[in-house]
Structures are given as structure tokens and as C-alpha cells.
Amino acid sequence: MSVAPDALIRTQKSLEDVEGIVFNIQRFSLQDGPGIRTTVFLKGCPLHCLWCSNPESQNFRPEIAHRDTLCTKCGLCVNACPEEAISVEDKGISIDRKKCTNCGDCMSVCTPGVLKILGETMSAGEVFREIRKDEDFYRVSGGGVTASGGEPLVQPDFVAALFKLCQDYGIDTCIETSGCASTEALEKVLPYTSLVLYDIKLGNPESHQKWTGGSNEEVLRNLRIAVASGTPVTIRVPLIPGINDSDEELNEIAHIAIDSLKEPRKVELLPYHRFGIGKYQQLDSTA
């Protein structure tokens, strides 16, 4: 049965209208899948890994960050805040996150660059148009778009819509995921995914709970589902000194990879870095 042209237009339009909360679109990425890619970072993560390099991704809603090195301590933001959530301290400003509503009134009176809202509601169509700006690079290098986070599977409708738009246009799609999401969310995204970069952080269930704040039960279940779907899966292991770099932990992870993949597939070890330390300070948090 053929589909009427106006129905196709409505379907395309509905995909473009699906919204998500994005905190960064990074062009010319070389570490998030094959070739030159555009990485779309999404807000929200059910895990709170103690080594997370993107703390701005953990909260499910937009939030204000501040750069104290640029702050003049003038106090204008304090007076502008309707919630009285801002105070000036020796190091710079401090924001009471329980009071802050992210209204942005403080930014309107502040020196540019000191305050910034991390997280913006965008439609799949808006993001797709940003992605298309570098389509020539994707085609030459074998690259494409990668959804990352945070945990992109907490926004499955948005990722599925964006990936469908990309695949219909011939752009490769990749997702970076911890697998900590519902099976329903994973199955929404997999049909439009060219490659899954799957994080396995710890094999031991107790250790996983201790260091990430969440169970690895659904992580392992979803890994099996991803592999069974036929979508290429690469397991990624972030090596964290003193947490998962012991022979015992690495052996557990190796057994997971062997049992899940069933055949030779790619496993990548990711070196630990501390590039996210400054971000914690901007969010009144600690690494």
C-alpha cells in the first residue's frame, strides 16, 4: 500500500518537532566513533559515576554554571535573582541549586561569559540542520553523528527521531551509552543506529553500585539485547585508577565481553583524564 505524499510530509514534520534537552553540539569530533563526527550531548543520566567528566550532563534539566575566574564580585546578579539563590563569596559566586529556577535573570546583568545556562530545549529538526552543516566531512571520512551525554537513552524519542532524520539523509548514526535505561528505550533507538558504543564500567555488581550509584543488572541485560539486534556493538571500558583497573575487575569485564559478544568484536580501553574538574566547580559541586 502506497503512502500519500501529504502523509509523508506530516511524518517528516512530526519527527522534526520531537524535542530534547541538549547541552552541547560538538563539531569535528574524532573520539566518538569512526571518522569525523558531530557529537550531540544530551542532558540527564541515572548514574552518578564519581569520575564523570561531564557533570553538567547528570541533571535532567538546564542549570546555570559560573566561571569564578571572570567574576568581578560586583553583586549585580545577587540583586537580580528573584529567588535569592545567589551569594558572593571570596572565591566568586555561589548558587543555591535548590532555590535556582534557571530563569536567567542573573545573566542579563552579568559580564558576558561569567554565567551560562547549560541545557537548551531543541527540536530534532533544529539539531539535524546543525548536523548537516558538516555532511561533506562525514562522507569523505566515513563519519556521522553521535548521540552522547549524560545517557542519551533517557531521551529515546528524541534520539530515535534525530537518527531517523539522519539515516533517511544518508548520515551514519552512533550512540554512546551506559545501557542504564529501559529495554523499551533501547529498542526505540536501535533500528536507527549504525553503531553502539557501549560502556562497561565495572563487572562486579556491588562495585558498580558503589562507584556509579546504580545497578549493572539492566546494563548487562541491554548489552545482550543490543548485540542480538545485529547492530554493531563496541564495548568501551573507561580505566579508572583504583576502581576498575585491578586484575579482578578487568577479568570480570573480559568475561562479560566474551559472554555477550559471542564472536570477535571490538573492545576499547579509554584512558582516565581529569578534564572535567573545572566543571564541578562551575556547578558548585565536587569531583
Protein backbone atom coordinates (compact mmCIF):
# COMPACT_ATOMS: atom_id res chain seq x y z
CA MET A 1 0.00 0.00 0.00
CA SER A 2 1.45 3.35 -1.03
CA VAL A 3 1.60 6.31 1.32
CA ALA A 4 0.15 9.61 0.17
CA PRO A 5 2.72 12.42 -0.23
CA ASP A 6 0.95 14.59 2.34
CA ALA A 7 1.22 11.75 4.88
CA LEU A 8 4.97 11.55 4.28
CA ILE A 9 5.23 15.29 4.86
CA ARG A 10 3.33 15.00 8.13
CA THR A 11 5.58 12.11 9.26
CA GLN A 12 8.72 14.09 8.45
CA LYS A 13 7.36 17.15 10.22
CA SER A 14 6.45 15.18 13.34
CA LEU A 15 9.98 13.77 13.53
CA GLU A 16 11.47 17.24 13.27
CA ASP A 17 9.20 18.51 16.04
CA VAL A 18 10.31 15.98 18.70
CA GLU A 19 12.18 17.90 21.40
CA GLY A 20 15.11 17.07 23.62
CA ILE A 21 17.38 18.88 26.07
CA VAL A 22 20.85 19.41 24.57
CA PHE A 23 23.81 20.88 26.43
CA ASN A 24 26.40 20.85 23.66
CA ILE A 25 26.80 20.14 19.95
CA GLN A 26 30.46 19.43 19.30
CA ARG A 27 31.56 19.54 15.69
CA PHE A 28 34.64 17.80 14.27
CA SER A 29 34.74 15.11 16.97
CA LEU A 30 37.33 12.39 16.43
CA GLN A 31 36.86 10.23 19.55
CA ASP A 32 33.16 9.39 19.41
CA GLY A 33 33.02 6.83 16.65
CA PRO A 34 34.56 6.35 13.20
CA GLY A 35 35.57 9.28 11.01
CA ILE A 36 34.79 12.94 11.60
CA ARG A 37 31.60 13.30 13.62
CA THR A 38 29.25 15.77 15.22
CA THR A 39 28.54 14.74 18.81
CA VAL A 40 25.23 15.79 20.34
CA PHE A 41 25.43 15.81 24.14
CA LEU A 42 22.10 15.32 25.91
CA LYS A 43 21.11 16.18 29.48
CA GLY A 44 20.20 13.59 32.06
CA CYS A 45 21.80 10.45 33.47
CA PRO A 46 20.53 7.92 36.04
CA LEU A 47 24.11 7.15 37.10
CA HIS A 48 26.45 9.39 39.08
CA CYS A 49 29.89 7.95 38.36
CA LEU A 50 32.45 9.50 40.69
CA TRP A 51 34.84 10.05 37.77
CA CYS A 52 32.30 11.60 35.38
CA SER A 53 33.93 14.19 33.12
CA ASN A 54 30.58 15.73 32.13
CA PRO A 55 28.89 16.64 35.44
CA GLU A 56 26.72 19.13 33.54
CA SER A 57 25.10 16.11 31.90
CA GLN A 58 23.82 14.46 35.07
CA ASN A 59 20.93 16.80 35.88
CA PHE A 60 17.83 16.23 33.76
CA ARG A 61 17.04 19.93 33.48
CA PRO A 62 19.02 23.01 32.40
CA GLU A 63 21.24 24.57 35.05
CA ILE A 64 23.40 27.67 35.45
CA ALA A 65 27.18 27.41 35.58
CA HIS A 66 29.54 30.16 36.68
CA ARG A 67 33.20 30.88 35.90
CA ASP A 68 34.69 32.49 39.00
CA THR A 69 37.92 33.43 37.21
CA LEU A 70 35.91 36.01 35.24
CA CYS A 71 33.72 37.19 38.14
CA THR A 72 34.29 40.76 39.40
CA LYS A 73 32.16 40.14 42.53
CA CYS A 74 30.05 43.19 41.70
CA GLY A 75 26.93 41.63 43.22
CA LEU A 76 24.56 42.64 40.43
CA CYS A 77 23.49 39.02 39.96
CA VAL A 78 22.56 38.80 43.65
CA ASN A 79 20.14 41.70 43.32
CA ALA A 80 18.73 40.39 40.03
CA CYS A 81 17.90 36.90 41.29
CA PRO A 82 14.17 36.72 42.19
CA GLU A 83 14.72 33.54 44.22
CA GLU A 84 17.60 34.94 46.32
CA ALA A 85 19.63 31.90 45.26
CA ILE A 86 22.96 33.69 44.63
CA SER A 87 25.57 34.87 47.12
CA VAL A 88 29.03 36.36 46.66
CA GLU A 89 31.93 34.64 48.42
CA ASP A 90 35.70 35.10 48.44
CA LYS A 91 36.19 32.71 45.53
CA GLY A 92 33.35 34.19 43.50
CA ILE A 93 29.64 33.43 43.47
CA SER A 94 27.70 30.50 44.90
CA ILE A 95 24.30 29.33 43.69
CA ASP A 96 21.77 27.55 45.89
CA ARG A 97 20.67 24.89 43.42
CA LYS A 98 17.51 24.08 45.40
CA LYS A 99 16.28 27.66 45.01
CA CYS A 100 17.53 28.40 41.48
CA THR A 101 14.88 28.14 38.75
CA ASN A 102 17.31 28.83 35.87
CA CYS A 103 15.26 31.88 34.87
CA GLY A 104 18.39 33.62 33.51
CA ASP A 105 17.71 37.00 35.14
CA CYS A 106 21.22 36.94 36.63
CA MET A 107 22.77 36.52 33.19
CA SER A 108 21.07 39.68 31.91
CA VAL A 109 23.08 41.87 34.31
CA CYS A 110 26.32 39.89 34.39
CA THR A 111 29.56 40.26 32.44
CA PRO A 112 29.30 38.03 29.34
CA GLY A 113 30.88 34.63 29.87
CA VAL A 114 30.65 34.52 33.66
CA LEU A 115 27.23 32.87 33.82
CA LYS A 116 25.90 30.34 31.33
CA ILE A 117 22.81 28.13 31.14
CA LEU A 118 23.81 24.54 30.38
CA GLY A 119 21.00 22.82 28.57
CA GLU A 120 18.61 24.02 25.89
CA THR A 121 15.39 22.55 24.56
CA MET A 122 15.87 21.89 20.85
CA SER A 123 13.83 20.06 18.25
CA ALA A 124 15.23 17.14 16.28
CA GLY A 125 14.86 19.27 13.17
CA GLU A 126 16.98 22.08 14.64
CA VAL A 127 19.74 19.67 15.63
CA PHE A 128 19.55 17.88 12.28
CA ARG A 129 20.13 21.16 10.46
CA GLU A 130 23.25 21.75 12.58
CA ILE A 131 24.48 18.25 11.79
CA ARG A 132 24.02 18.73 8.05
CA LYS A 133 26.46 21.66 8.02
CA ASP A 134 29.35 19.17 8.08
CA GLU A 135 27.89 16.46 5.87
CA ASP A 136 30.79 16.72 3.39
CA PHE A 137 33.24 15.79 6.15
CA TYR A 138 31.13 12.77 7.12
CA ARG A 139 31.03 11.42 3.61
CA VAL A 140 34.77 11.81 2.98
CA SER A 141 35.86 10.39 6.36
CA GLY A 142 33.18 7.78 6.97
CA GLY A 143 31.87 9.77 9.92
CA GLY A 144 28.43 10.94 11.01
CA VAL A 145 26.54 11.91 14.13
CA THR A 146 26.94 10.53 17.66
CA ALA A 147 24.43 10.92 20.49
CA SER A 148 26.15 11.13 23.86
CA GLY A 149 25.52 12.58 27.28
CA GLY A 150 24.70 12.05 30.01
CA GLU A 151 22.78 8.98 28.99
CA PRO A 152 21.08 9.56 25.62
CA LEU A 153 18.67 6.69 26.21
CA VAL A 154 16.85 8.78 28.84
CA GLN A 155 15.60 10.79 25.83
CA PRO A 156 14.80 7.88 23.46
CA ASP A 157 12.08 9.59 21.42
CA PHE A 158 14.37 12.49 20.60
CA VAL A 159 17.34 10.26 19.71
CA ALA A 160 15.16 7.97 17.57
CA ALA A 161 13.68 10.95 15.70
CA LEU A 162 17.08 12.56 15.14
CA PHE A 163 18.66 9.30 13.99
CA LYS A 164 15.76 8.58 11.63
CA LEU A 165 16.20 12.01 10.03
CA CYS A 166 19.93 11.37 9.68
CA GLN A 167 19.62 7.87 8.25
CA ASP A 168 16.97 8.98 5.75
CA TYR A 169 19.50 11.55 4.57
CA GLY A 170 22.35 9.02 4.44
CA ILE A 171 24.20 10.15 7.57
CA ASP A 172 25.73 7.45 9.79
CA THR A 173 24.43 7.29 13.38
CA CYS A 174 26.15 6.20 16.58
CA ILE A 175 25.12 6.19 20.25
CA GLU A 176 27.38 6.28 23.31
CA THR A 177 25.51 4.58 26.12
CA SER A 178 25.98 3.01 29.53
CA GLY A 179 22.95 0.85 28.82
CA CYS A 180 21.37 2.10 32.05
CA ALA A 181 17.88 2.58 30.63
CA SER A 182 14.71 0.64 29.99
CA THR A 183 14.72 -2.01 27.30
CA GLU A 184 11.84 -0.13 25.66
CA ALA A 185 14.06 2.96 25.32
CA LEU A 186 16.88 0.93 23.79
CA GLU A 187 14.56 -0.77 21.32
CA LYS A 188 13.20 2.60 20.17
CA VAL A 189 16.67 3.76 19.17
CA LEU A 190 18.36 0.59 17.85
CA PRO A 191 16.53 0.43 14.48
CA TYR A 192 18.02 3.80 13.51
CA THR A 193 21.51 3.21 14.93
CA SER A 194 24.54 2.27 12.83
CA LEU A 195 26.90 1.64 15.78
CA VAL A 196 26.59 1.27 19.56
CA LEU A 197 29.50 2.36 21.75
CA TYR A 198 28.61 0.52 24.95
CA ASP A 199 30.23 1.43 28.26
CA ILE A 200 31.04 -1.36 30.67
CA LYS A 201 32.38 0.37 33.75
CA LEU A 202 32.50 -2.43 36.31
CA GLY A 203 31.67 -6.12 36.24
CA ASN A 204 31.11 -6.70 39.92
CA PRO A 205 27.51 -5.71 40.87
CA GLU A 206 28.44 -4.38 44.31
CA SER A 207 31.31 -2.32 42.95
CA HIS A 208 29.11 -0.96 40.17
CA GLN A 209 26.52 0.16 42.72
CA LYS A 210 29.20 1.71 44.95
CA TRP A 211 31.02 3.74 42.31
CA THR A 212 28.23 4.66 39.89
CA GLY A 213 25.20 4.82 42.17
CA GLY A 214 23.29 2.28 40.09
CA SER A 215 22.93 -1.42 39.40
CA ASN A 216 24.54 -3.07 36.38
CA GLU A 217 21.71 -5.59 36.01
CA GLU A 218 19.89 -3.70 33.26
CA VAL A 219 23.24 -2.65 31.77
CA LEU A 220 24.13 -6.31 31.13
CA ARG A 221 20.60 -7.18 30.01
CA ASN A 222 20.55 -4.35 27.47
CA LEU A 223 24.02 -5.29 26.22
CA ARG A 224 22.70 -8.71 25.26
CA ILE A 225 19.69 -7.12 23.54
CA ALA A 226 21.88 -4.68 21.61
CA VAL A 227 24.14 -7.48 20.37
CA ALA A 228 21.18 -9.70 19.46
CA SER A 229 19.69 -6.89 17.35
CA GLY A 230 22.51 -7.23 14.85
CA THR A 231 23.61 -3.62 15.28
CA PRO A 232 27.43 -3.46 15.56
CA VAL A 233 28.48 -3.06 19.20
CA THR A 234 31.83 -1.85 20.51
CA ILE A 235 32.41 -2.27 24.24
CA ARG A 236 34.22 0.63 25.86
CA VAL A 237 35.91 0.41 29.25
CA PRO A 238 36.97 3.64 30.98
CA LEU A 239 40.03 2.70 33.05
CA ILE A 240 39.75 4.42 36.42
CA PRO A 241 42.81 4.08 38.69
CA GLY A 242 41.99 2.30 41.93
CA ILE A 243 38.42 1.49 40.88
CA ASN A 244 38.30 -0.85 37.89
CA ASP A 245 41.94 -1.30 36.83
CA SER A 246 42.63 -4.34 39.03
CA ASP A 247 43.13 -7.80 37.51
CA GLU A 248 39.96 -8.97 39.24
CA GLU A 249 37.75 -6.24 37.79
CA LEU A 250 39.27 -6.44 34.32
CA ASN A 251 38.77 -10.21 34.29
CA GLU A 252 35.10 -9.72 35.16
CA ILE A 253 34.71 -7.20 32.35
CA ALA A 254 36.54 -9.54 29.94
CA HIS A 255 34.13 -12.36 30.79
CA ILE A 256 31.18 -10.04 30.16
CA ALA A 257 32.59 -9.11 26.75
CA ILE A 258 33.23 -12.75 25.83
CA ASP A 259 29.83 -13.97 27.02
CA SER A 260 27.91 -11.11 25.41
CA LEU A 261 29.61 -10.67 22.06
CA LYS A 262 30.00 -14.39 21.23
CA GLU A 263 32.33 -13.55 18.35
CA PRO A 264 35.36 -11.29 17.82
CA ARG A 265 34.19 -7.71 18.22
CA LYS A 266 35.93 -4.52 19.18
CA VAL A 267 36.71 -3.68 22.82
CA GLU A 268 38.29 -0.29 23.59
CA LEU A 269 40.08 0.80 26.77
CA LEU A 270 39.62 4.51 27.48
CA PRO A 271 42.34 6.32 29.48
CA TYR A 272 41.24 8.29 32.53
CA HIS A 273 41.50 12.07 32.44
CA ARG A 274 40.60 14.93 34.78
CA PHE A 275 39.39 17.45 32.20
CA GLY A 276 36.04 17.76 33.97
CA ILE A 277 37.38 19.04 37.30
CA GLY A 278 36.70 22.70 36.50
CA LYS A 279 33.12 21.89 35.52
CA TYR A 280 32.32 20.65 39.03
CA GLN A 281 33.45 23.98 40.45
CA GLN A 282 31.23 25.83 37.99
CA LEU A 283 28.25 23.82 39.23
CA ASP A 284 29.01 24.18 42.96
CA SER A 285 29.81 20.50 43.14
CA THR A 286 32.84 18.30 43.79
CA ALA A 287 34.52 15.66 41.63
